[in-house]
Amino acid sequence: MEDAANPRFVAAHVRYVSARSRAEADQFAALMVRWAWPAGHDDRFDPIALEWVRRWAPRNVGAALAECACGDGRCTVCN
């Protein structure tokens, strides 16, 4: 197997992909969707996960950030 960082390998891959017809590209995309989400688009949504995100979402506490007083701007406050 050729190294994916090899420019000749990348060029060959681009030629192969660009030679596909629209129908072949659509068929491949449909295959990937069926493989990734077997139940269709509804497979991506989980009400329990949504509730978890609602409860644990980052919140702005309104705290003021500390100002850096160092001369070179590389203290732990600046970074």
Foldseek 3Di string as FASTA:
>chain_A
DDDPVDPVNVVVVVVVVVPDDPVVVVVVVVVVQCVVQVVHPVSVDDVVVVVVCVVPPDDDPPDDQDDDDDDPQPDPSSD
